[in-house]
């Protein structure tokens, strides 16, 4: 199968999406379009054959208080660190275990890096929904907050280097 990533529009049918976490399904189906008008951007992973929504991620500008970050990420930064929040990332439940979640994360990080090169930012932040999601993010070098193990951080420079993208 082949997939494409595109921004959420009113033309997308979201009703059949089910990732296994009702809260993430509800956020996409009931709140994502409205959130776009409030500064969040949602991108969909679309099955190129059926045009069905296979996954999604949402991004938003964010500020992080230095004390929330692991010491190695907060060192030498201002009290409030400009960041991009990877607000949500979910994959249709029938596609779990096929490596598409990692591919969707790569696309999300690439989108974040491109945006940050123009708009600024130092860190990407993720709030993992559960332990399994936290483990998923820790594998590619996200580091947990000392205050909350489900809040994870990665320097944008680290992500750019891993993806072989220019920074800044």
N, C-alpha and C. Protein backbone atom coordinates (compact mmCIF):
# COMPACT_ATOMS: atom_id res chain seq x y z
N UNK A 1 0.84 -1.19 0.00
CA UNK A 1 0.00 0.00 0.00
C UNK A 1 0.87 1.24 0.00
N UNK A 2 0.34 2.29 -0.58
CA UNK A 2 1.06 3.55 -0.52
C UNK A 2 0.17 4.58 0.18
N UNK A 3 0.84 5.54 0.79
CA UNK A 3 0.16 6.54 1.59
C UNK A 3 0.70 7.91 1.25
N UNK A 4 -0.11 8.91 1.53
CA UNK A 4 0.34 10.30 1.40
C UNK A 4 -0.09 11.04 2.67
N UNK A 5 0.60 12.12 2.97
CA UNK A 5 0.24 12.95 4.12
C UNK A 5 -0.24 14.28 3.58
N UNK A 6 -1.37 14.74 4.11
CA UNK A 6 -1.92 16.01 3.66
C UNK A 6 -2.64 16.70 4.82
N UNK A 7 -2.73 18.04 4.76
CA UNK A 7 -3.42 18.77 5.82
C UNK A 7 -4.91 18.41 5.85
N UNK A 8 -5.47 18.40 7.03
CA UNK A 8 -6.90 18.16 7.22
C UNK A 8 -7.71 19.26 6.54
N UNK A 9 -8.74 18.86 5.80
CA UNK A 9 -9.69 19.80 5.19
C UNK A 9 -11.11 19.33 5.51
N UNK A 10 -12.07 20.13 5.13
CA UNK A 10 -13.47 19.75 5.32
C UNK A 10 -13.88 18.58 4.44
N UNK A 11 -13.10 18.28 3.41
CA UNK A 11 -13.43 17.19 2.49
C UNK A 11 -13.10 15.81 3.03
N UNK A 12 -12.29 15.72 4.05
CA UNK A 12 -11.88 14.41 4.57
C UNK A 12 -12.99 13.76 5.40
N UNK A 13 -13.19 12.46 5.18
CA UNK A 13 -14.15 11.67 5.96
C UNK A 13 -13.40 11.05 7.14
N UNK A 14 -13.73 11.48 8.32
CA UNK A 14 -13.03 11.04 9.53
C UNK A 14 -13.79 9.95 10.29
N UNK A 15 -15.01 9.67 9.89
CA UNK A 15 -15.90 8.82 10.68
C UNK A 15 -15.40 7.40 10.90
N UNK A 16 -14.67 6.82 9.96
CA UNK A 16 -14.26 5.42 10.10
C UNK A 16 -12.91 5.25 10.81
N UNK A 17 -12.28 6.35 11.21
CA UNK A 17 -10.97 6.23 11.86
C UNK A 17 -11.15 5.69 13.28
N UNK A 18 -10.33 4.69 13.62
CA UNK A 18 -10.34 4.11 14.97
C UNK A 18 -8.94 3.61 15.28
N UNK A 19 -8.28 4.25 16.25
CA UNK A 19 -6.89 3.92 16.57
C UNK A 19 -6.74 3.01 17.78
N UNK A 20 -7.84 2.75 18.49
CA UNK A 20 -7.74 1.94 19.70
C UNK A 20 -7.77 2.75 20.98
N UNK A 21 -7.68 4.07 20.86
CA UNK A 21 -7.78 4.99 22.00
C UNK A 21 -8.96 5.92 21.71
N UNK A 22 -10.10 5.70 22.33
CA UNK A 22 -11.28 6.53 22.05
C UNK A 22 -11.01 8.03 22.18
N UNK A 23 -10.16 8.44 23.11
CA UNK A 23 -9.88 9.87 23.27
C UNK A 23 -9.21 10.44 22.03
N UNK A 24 -8.28 9.69 21.43
CA UNK A 24 -7.60 10.16 20.22
C UNK A 24 -8.56 10.16 19.02
N UNK A 25 -9.45 9.18 18.97
CA UNK A 25 -10.47 9.15 17.91
C UNK A 25 -11.38 10.37 18.02
N UNK A 26 -11.83 10.66 19.23
CA UNK A 26 -12.72 11.79 19.46
C UNK A 26 -12.04 13.11 19.11
N UNK A 27 -10.78 13.25 19.49
CA UNK A 27 -10.07 14.49 19.17
C UNK A 27 -10.03 14.73 17.67
N UNK A 28 -9.77 13.69 16.90
CA UNK A 28 -9.74 13.85 15.46
C UNK A 28 -11.13 14.15 14.91
N UNK A 29 -12.09 13.35 15.27
CA UNK A 29 -13.43 13.43 14.67
C UNK A 29 -14.22 14.67 15.10
N UNK A 30 -14.06 15.09 16.35
CA UNK A 30 -14.92 16.15 16.87
C UNK A 30 -14.22 17.49 17.11
N UNK A 31 -12.89 17.49 17.18
CA UNK A 31 -12.22 18.73 17.58
C UNK A 31 -11.15 19.23 16.61
N UNK A 32 -10.62 18.39 15.75
CA UNK A 32 -9.47 18.78 14.93
C UNK A 32 -9.78 19.94 13.99
N UNK A 33 -10.93 19.92 13.37
CA UNK A 33 -11.25 21.01 12.42
C UNK A 33 -11.36 22.35 13.15
N UNK A 34 -12.01 22.35 14.30
CA UNK A 34 -12.14 23.59 15.08
C UNK A 34 -10.77 24.05 15.59
N UNK A 35 -9.95 23.11 16.01
CA UNK A 35 -8.62 23.45 16.54
C UNK A 35 -7.74 24.11 15.48
N UNK A 36 -7.99 23.81 14.21
CA UNK A 36 -7.23 24.45 13.14
C UNK A 36 -7.41 25.96 13.19
N UNK A 37 -8.60 26.42 13.50
CA UNK A 37 -8.85 27.85 13.62
C UNK A 37 -8.25 28.46 14.87
N UNK A 38 -7.77 27.62 15.77
CA UNK A 38 -7.20 28.10 17.03
C UNK A 38 -5.69 27.91 17.09
N UNK A 39 -5.06 27.61 15.96
CA UNK A 39 -3.60 27.56 15.91
C UNK A 39 -2.99 26.18 15.80
N UNK A 40 -3.78 25.13 15.87
CA UNK A 40 -3.27 23.77 15.71
C UNK A 40 -3.39 23.36 14.25
N UNK A 41 -2.45 22.58 13.77
CA UNK A 41 -2.52 22.03 12.41
C UNK A 41 -2.56 20.52 12.51
N UNK A 42 -3.53 19.92 11.82
CA UNK A 42 -3.66 18.47 11.79
C UNK A 42 -3.35 17.97 10.39
N UNK A 43 -2.54 16.92 10.33
CA UNK A 43 -2.15 16.29 9.07
C UNK A 43 -2.63 14.85 9.09
N UNK A 44 -3.13 14.39 7.95
CA UNK A 44 -3.67 13.05 7.84
C UNK A 44 -2.79 12.16 6.99
N UNK A 45 -2.66 10.91 7.41
CA UNK A 45 -2.04 9.87 6.60
C UNK A 45 -3.19 9.22 5.83
N UNK A 46 -3.14 9.33 4.51
CA UNK A 46 -4.24 8.88 3.66
C UNK A 46 -3.81 7.68 2.84
N UNK A 47 -4.63 6.63 2.83
CA UNK A 47 -4.40 5.47 1.97
C UNK A 47 -4.62 5.94 0.53
N UNK A 48 -3.59 5.84 -0.30
CA UNK A 48 -3.65 6.35 -1.67
C UNK A 48 -4.67 5.61 -2.53
N UNK A 49 -4.99 4.38 -2.19
CA UNK A 49 -5.94 3.59 -2.97
C UNK A 49 -7.39 3.88 -2.59
N UNK A 50 -7.67 3.91 -1.30
CA UNK A 50 -9.05 4.06 -0.82
C UNK A 50 -9.40 5.47 -0.36
N UNK A 51 -8.41 6.31 -0.19
CA UNK A 51 -8.56 7.66 0.37
C UNK A 51 -9.05 7.65 1.82
N UNK A 52 -8.95 6.51 2.48
CA UNK A 52 -9.34 6.41 3.89
C UNK A 52 -8.25 7.02 4.77
N UNK A 53 -8.66 7.59 5.90
CA UNK A 53 -7.71 8.13 6.87
C UNK A 53 -7.06 6.96 7.60
N UNK A 54 -5.75 6.85 7.48
CA UNK A 54 -5.01 5.76 8.11
C UNK A 54 -4.32 6.21 9.39
N UNK A 55 -4.13 7.51 9.56
CA UNK A 55 -3.48 8.03 10.75
C UNK A 55 -3.51 9.54 10.73
N UNK A 56 -3.01 10.14 11.80
CA UNK A 56 -2.95 11.60 11.84
C UNK A 56 -1.93 12.05 12.88
N UNK A 57 -1.50 13.29 12.71
CA UNK A 57 -0.74 13.97 13.76
C UNK A 57 -1.17 15.42 13.77
N UNK A 58 -1.02 16.05 14.94
CA UNK A 58 -1.39 17.45 15.11
C UNK A 58 -0.22 18.20 15.73
N UNK A 59 -0.01 19.42 15.26
CA UNK A 59 1.10 20.26 15.72
C UNK A 59 0.56 21.59 16.21
N UNK A 60 1.24 22.16 17.21
CA UNK A 60 0.87 23.47 17.72
C UNK A 60 2.11 24.17 18.28
N UNK A 61 2.18 25.50 18.15
CA UNK A 61 3.27 26.22 18.81
C UNK A 61 3.12 26.09 20.32
N UNK A 62 4.23 26.16 21.02
CA UNK A 62 4.20 25.89 22.46
C UNK A 62 5.36 26.60 23.14
N UNK A 63 5.24 26.83 24.42
CA UNK A 63 6.34 27.29 25.27
C UNK A 63 6.51 26.29 26.40
N UNK A 64 7.75 25.97 26.71
CA UNK A 64 8.06 25.02 27.77
C UNK A 64 8.81 25.76 28.86
N UNK A 65 8.43 25.55 30.10
CA UNK A 65 9.18 26.10 31.23
C UNK A 65 10.42 25.24 31.42
N UNK A 66 11.57 25.88 31.51
CA UNK A 66 12.85 25.18 31.57
C UNK A 66 12.87 24.06 32.61
N UNK A 67 12.26 24.27 33.77
CA UNK A 67 12.30 23.28 34.84
C UNK A 67 11.58 21.98 34.47
N UNK A 68 10.71 22.02 33.46
CA UNK A 68 9.99 20.81 33.02
C UNK A 68 10.89 19.87 32.22
N UNK A 69 11.95 20.40 31.66
CA UNK A 69 12.76 19.62 30.73
C UNK A 69 13.85 18.83 31.46
N UNK A 70 14.32 17.75 30.85
CA UNK A 70 15.51 17.10 31.40
C UNK A 70 16.65 18.12 31.43
N UNK A 71 17.48 18.02 32.43
CA UNK A 71 18.55 19.00 32.65
C UNK A 71 19.40 19.23 31.39
N UNK A 72 19.72 18.17 30.67
CA UNK A 72 20.58 18.30 29.49
C UNK A 72 19.92 19.10 28.37
N UNK A 73 18.59 19.15 28.34
CA UNK A 73 17.91 19.91 27.29
C UNK A 73 17.65 21.35 27.69
N UNK A 74 17.55 21.63 28.99
CA UNK A 74 17.24 22.97 29.44
C UNK A 74 18.44 23.84 29.71
N UNK A 75 19.61 23.24 29.77
CA UNK A 75 20.83 23.98 30.09
C UNK A 75 21.08 25.07 29.04
N UNK A 76 21.34 26.29 29.51
CA UNK A 76 21.69 27.39 28.62
C UNK A 76 20.51 27.98 27.85
N UNK A 77 19.30 27.69 28.29
CA UNK A 77 18.13 28.20 27.59
C UNK A 77 17.44 29.27 28.43
N UNK A 78 16.57 30.07 27.80
CA UNK A 78 15.78 31.02 28.58
C UNK A 78 14.79 30.28 29.48
N UNK A 79 14.17 31.00 30.40
CA UNK A 79 13.19 30.41 31.32
C UNK A 79 12.04 29.75 30.56
N UNK A 80 11.60 30.37 29.49
CA UNK A 80 10.55 29.81 28.64
C UNK A 80 11.18 29.46 27.30
N UNK A 81 11.11 28.20 26.94
CA UNK A 81 11.78 27.69 25.75
C UNK A 81 10.76 27.56 24.62
N UNK A 82 11.03 28.20 23.47
CA UNK A 82 10.12 28.05 22.34
C UNK A 82 10.14 26.61 21.83
N UNK A 83 8.95 26.07 21.59
CA UNK A 83 8.84 24.66 21.22
C UNK A 83 7.69 24.47 20.23
N UNK A 84 7.64 23.28 19.68
CA UNK A 84 6.49 22.84 18.90
C UNK A 84 5.96 21.59 19.57
N UNK A 85 4.67 21.60 19.83
CA UNK A 85 4.01 20.48 20.48
C UNK A 85 3.50 19.51 19.41
N UNK A 86 3.98 18.28 19.46
CA UNK A 86 3.39 17.21 18.67
C UNK A 86 2.19 16.76 19.49
N UNK A 87 1.06 17.44 19.25
CA UNK A 87 -0.09 17.32 20.13
C UNK A 87 -0.71 15.93 20.11
N UNK A 88 -0.77 15.33 18.95
CA UNK A 88 -1.34 13.99 18.82
C UNK A 88 -0.66 13.28 17.66
N UNK A 89 -0.55 11.96 17.77
CA UNK A 89 -0.10 11.11 16.68
C UNK A 89 -0.79 9.77 16.88
N UNK A 90 -1.55 9.34 15.88
CA UNK A 90 -2.31 8.10 16.01
C UNK A 90 -2.40 7.41 14.66
N UNK A 91 -2.48 6.10 14.72
CA UNK A 91 -2.54 5.26 13.53
C UNK A 91 -3.75 4.35 13.65
N UNK A 92 -4.47 4.15 12.56
CA UNK A 92 -5.62 3.26 12.57
C UNK A 92 -5.22 1.91 13.15
N UNK A 93 -6.05 1.38 14.03
CA UNK A 93 -5.71 0.17 14.79
C UNK A 93 -5.34 -1.01 13.89
N UNK A 94 -5.97 -1.14 12.74
CA UNK A 94 -5.67 -2.28 11.86
C UNK A 94 -4.28 -2.18 11.23
N UNK A 95 -3.61 -1.04 11.38
CA UNK A 95 -2.27 -0.85 10.81
C UNK A 95 -1.16 -0.92 11.85
N UNK A 96 -1.51 -1.13 13.12
CA UNK A 96 -0.49 -1.22 14.17
C UNK A 96 0.46 -2.37 13.88
N UNK A 97 1.73 -2.18 14.24
CA UNK A 97 2.72 -3.25 14.11
C UNK A 97 3.34 -3.38 12.73
N UNK A 98 3.05 -2.45 11.82
CA UNK A 98 3.58 -2.53 10.46
C UNK A 98 4.67 -1.50 10.18
N UNK A 99 5.05 -0.72 11.18
CA UNK A 99 6.08 0.29 10.99
C UNK A 99 5.57 1.64 10.51
N UNK A 100 4.28 1.75 10.28
CA UNK A 100 3.73 3.01 9.79
C UNK A 100 3.73 4.10 10.85
N UNK A 101 3.64 3.73 12.12
CA UNK A 101 3.70 4.73 13.18
C UNK A 101 5.04 5.45 13.18
N UNK A 102 6.11 4.69 13.00
CA UNK A 102 7.44 5.29 12.90
C UNK A 102 7.57 6.19 11.69
N UNK A 103 7.00 5.76 10.57
CA UNK A 103 7.03 6.58 9.36
C UNK A 103 6.23 7.87 9.56
N UNK A 104 5.09 7.76 10.24
CA UNK A 104 4.29 8.95 10.51
C UNK A 104 5.03 9.90 11.44
N UNK A 105 5.74 9.36 12.43
CA UNK A 105 6.55 10.19 13.32
C UNK A 105 7.65 10.91 12.54
N UNK A 106 8.31 10.21 11.62
CA UNK A 106 9.34 10.84 10.79
C UNK A 106 8.73 11.99 10.00
N UNK A 107 7.56 11.78 9.43
CA UNK A 107 6.92 12.85 8.67
C UNK A 107 6.58 14.03 9.58
N UNK A 108 6.07 13.74 10.78
CA UNK A 108 5.74 14.80 11.73
C UNK A 108 6.99 15.59 12.11
N UNK A 109 8.08 14.90 12.42
CA UNK A 109 9.32 15.59 12.80
C UNK A 109 9.87 16.41 11.63
N UNK A 110 9.77 15.88 10.42
CA UNK A 110 10.22 16.63 9.25
C UNK A 110 9.40 17.91 9.10
N UNK A 111 8.09 17.81 9.25
CA UNK A 111 7.22 18.98 9.17
C UNK A 111 7.58 19.99 10.25
N UNK A 112 7.85 19.52 11.45
CA UNK A 112 8.23 20.39 12.57
C UNK A 112 9.54 21.11 12.27
N UNK A 113 10.52 20.39 11.79
CA UNK A 113 11.83 20.99 11.52
C UNK A 113 11.73 22.06 10.44
N UNK A 114 10.99 21.76 9.38
CA UNK A 114 10.82 22.75 8.31
C UNK A 114 10.14 24.00 8.85
N UNK A 115 9.11 23.84 9.66
CA UNK A 115 8.42 24.99 10.25
C UNK A 115 9.33 25.76 11.19
N UNK A 116 10.08 25.06 12.01
CA UNK A 116 10.95 25.71 13.00
C UNK A 116 12.10 26.47 12.34
N UNK A 117 12.55 26.01 11.19
CA UNK A 117 13.62 26.75 10.50
C UNK A 117 13.13 28.13 10.09
N UNK A 118 11.83 28.29 9.85
CA UNK A 118 11.27 29.59 9.49
C UNK A 118 10.77 30.37 10.70
N UNK A 119 10.11 29.68 11.61
CA UNK A 119 9.43 30.36 12.72
C UNK A 119 10.19 30.32 14.03
N UNK A 120 11.19 29.47 14.14
CA UNK A 120 11.93 29.33 15.38
C UNK A 120 11.44 28.18 16.23
N UNK A 121 12.18 27.90 17.25
CA UNK A 121 11.86 26.80 18.15
C UNK A 121 13.13 26.06 18.50
N UNK A 122 13.12 25.42 19.65
CA UNK A 122 14.31 24.71 20.11
C UNK A 122 14.02 23.25 20.43
N UNK A 123 12.78 22.96 20.81
CA UNK A 123 12.43 21.64 21.32
C UNK A 123 11.10 21.19 20.71
N UNK A 124 10.97 19.89 20.51
CA UNK A 124 9.67 19.30 20.20
C UNK A 124 9.20 18.59 21.47
N UNK A 125 7.91 18.75 21.78
CA UNK A 125 7.31 18.21 23.00
C UNK A 125 6.21 17.23 22.62
N UNK A 126 6.13 16.13 23.35
CA UNK A 126 5.07 15.14 23.15
C UNK A 126 4.48 14.80 24.51
N UNK A 127 3.16 14.69 24.57
CA UNK A 127 2.48 14.18 25.76
C UNK A 127 1.94 12.80 25.39
N UNK A 128 2.65 11.76 25.79
CA UNK A 128 2.25 10.39 25.46
C UNK A 128 0.99 10.01 26.22
N UNK A 129 0.09 9.32 25.54
CA UNK A 129 -1.20 8.97 26.13
C UNK A 129 -1.09 7.86 27.17
N UNK A 130 -0.05 7.02 27.05
CA UNK A 130 0.12 5.90 27.99
C UNK A 130 1.57 5.41 27.95
N UNK A 131 1.85 4.38 28.73
CA UNK A 131 3.22 3.84 28.81
C UNK A 131 3.72 3.33 27.47
N UNK A 132 2.85 2.66 26.73
CA UNK A 132 3.24 2.13 25.43
C UNK A 132 3.65 3.25 24.49
N UNK A 133 2.88 4.33 24.48
CA UNK A 133 3.21 5.48 23.64
C UNK A 133 4.51 6.14 24.11
N UNK A 134 4.70 6.24 25.41
CA UNK A 134 5.94 6.82 25.94
C UNK A 134 7.15 6.01 25.48
N UNK A 135 7.04 4.69 25.50
CA UNK A 135 8.13 3.83 25.02
C UNK A 135 8.38 4.03 23.53
N UNK A 136 7.32 4.18 22.75
CA UNK A 136 7.43 4.43 21.31
C UNK A 136 8.26 5.69 21.06
N UNK A 137 8.00 6.76 21.80
CA UNK A 137 8.72 8.01 21.59
C UNK A 137 10.14 7.96 22.14
N UNK A 138 10.37 7.21 23.20
CA UNK A 138 11.72 7.16 23.77
C UNK A 138 12.70 6.45 22.85
N UNK A 139 12.22 5.53 22.03
CA UNK A 139 13.11 4.80 21.12
C UNK A 139 13.89 5.73 20.21
N UNK A 140 13.27 6.75 19.60
CA UNK A 140 14.06 7.64 18.75
C UNK A 140 14.65 8.85 19.48
N UNK A 141 14.91 8.74 20.77
CA UNK A 141 15.67 9.75 21.50
C UNK A 141 14.86 10.87 22.13
N UNK A 142 13.56 10.69 22.30
CA UNK A 142 12.81 11.62 23.15
C UNK A 142 13.18 11.30 24.59
N UNK A 143 13.27 12.35 25.43
CA UNK A 143 13.63 12.16 26.83
C UNK A 143 12.48 12.60 27.73
N UNK A 144 12.17 11.81 28.75
CA UNK A 144 11.04 12.17 29.62
C UNK A 144 11.36 13.34 30.54
N UNK A 145 10.32 14.07 30.89
CA UNK A 145 10.41 15.15 31.86
C UNK A 145 10.68 14.55 33.23
N UNK A 146 11.49 15.21 34.05
CA UNK A 146 11.68 14.72 35.42
C UNK A 146 10.38 14.78 36.23
N UNK A 147 9.45 15.64 35.84
CA UNK A 147 8.20 15.79 36.58
C UNK A 147 7.08 14.87 36.09
N UNK A 148 7.16 14.43 34.82
CA UNK A 148 6.08 13.64 34.23
C UNK A 148 6.66 12.73 33.15
N UNK A 149 6.72 11.42 33.39
CA UNK A 149 7.34 10.51 32.43
C UNK A 149 6.58 10.39 31.11
N UNK A 150 5.35 10.90 31.05
CA UNK A 150 4.59 10.87 29.80
C UNK A 150 4.80 12.13 28.96
N UNK A 151 5.46 13.14 29.53
CA UNK A 151 5.82 14.34 28.77
C UNK A 151 7.26 14.16 28.33
N UNK A 152 7.46 14.16 27.00
CA UNK A 152 8.79 13.86 26.45
C UNK A 152 9.27 15.01 25.57
N UNK A 153 10.60 15.14 25.50
CA UNK A 153 11.23 16.24 24.78
C UNK A 153 12.34 15.73 23.88
N UNK A 154 12.54 16.44 22.78
CA UNK A 154 13.70 16.21 21.93
C UNK A 154 14.14 17.56 21.37
N UNK A 155 15.44 17.81 21.37
CA UNK A 155 15.95 19.01 20.73
C UNK A 155 15.67 18.91 19.23
N UNK A 156 15.28 20.02 18.64
CA UNK A 156 15.06 20.03 17.20
C UNK A 156 16.35 19.75 16.45
N UNK A 157 17.46 20.19 17.00
CA UNK A 157 18.75 19.92 16.34
C UNK A 157 19.04 18.42 16.32
N UNK A 158 18.65 17.70 17.37
CA UNK A 158 18.82 16.24 17.41
C UNK A 158 17.95 15.57 16.35
N UNK A 159 16.70 16.01 16.25
CA UNK A 159 15.79 15.45 15.24
C UNK A 159 16.31 15.73 13.84
N UNK A 160 16.76 16.95 13.60
CA UNK A 160 17.28 17.30 12.27
C UNK A 160 18.49 16.45 11.91
N UNK A 161 19.37 16.27 12.86
CA UNK A 161 20.57 15.45 12.62
C UNK A 161 20.18 14.00 12.31
N UNK A 162 19.24 13.45 13.07
CA UNK A 162 18.81 12.07 12.85
C UNK A 162 18.15 11.89 11.48
N UNK A 163 17.45 12.91 11.03
CA UNK A 163 16.76 12.84 9.74
C UNK A 163 17.60 13.38 8.58
N UNK A 164 18.82 13.81 8.92
CA UNK A 164 19.75 14.37 7.92
C UNK A 164 19.14 15.57 7.20
N UNK A 165 18.53 16.43 8.01
CA UNK A 165 17.95 17.68 7.51
C UNK A 165 18.80 18.84 7.99
N UNK A 166 18.89 19.90 7.20
CA UNK A 166 19.68 21.05 7.64
C UNK A 166 19.07 21.72 8.87
N UNK A 167 19.94 22.18 9.75
CA UNK A 167 19.50 22.90 10.95
C UNK A 167 20.52 23.96 11.29
N UNK A 168 20.18 25.16 11.66
CA UNK A 168 18.84 25.71 11.62
C UNK A 168 18.56 26.13 10.24
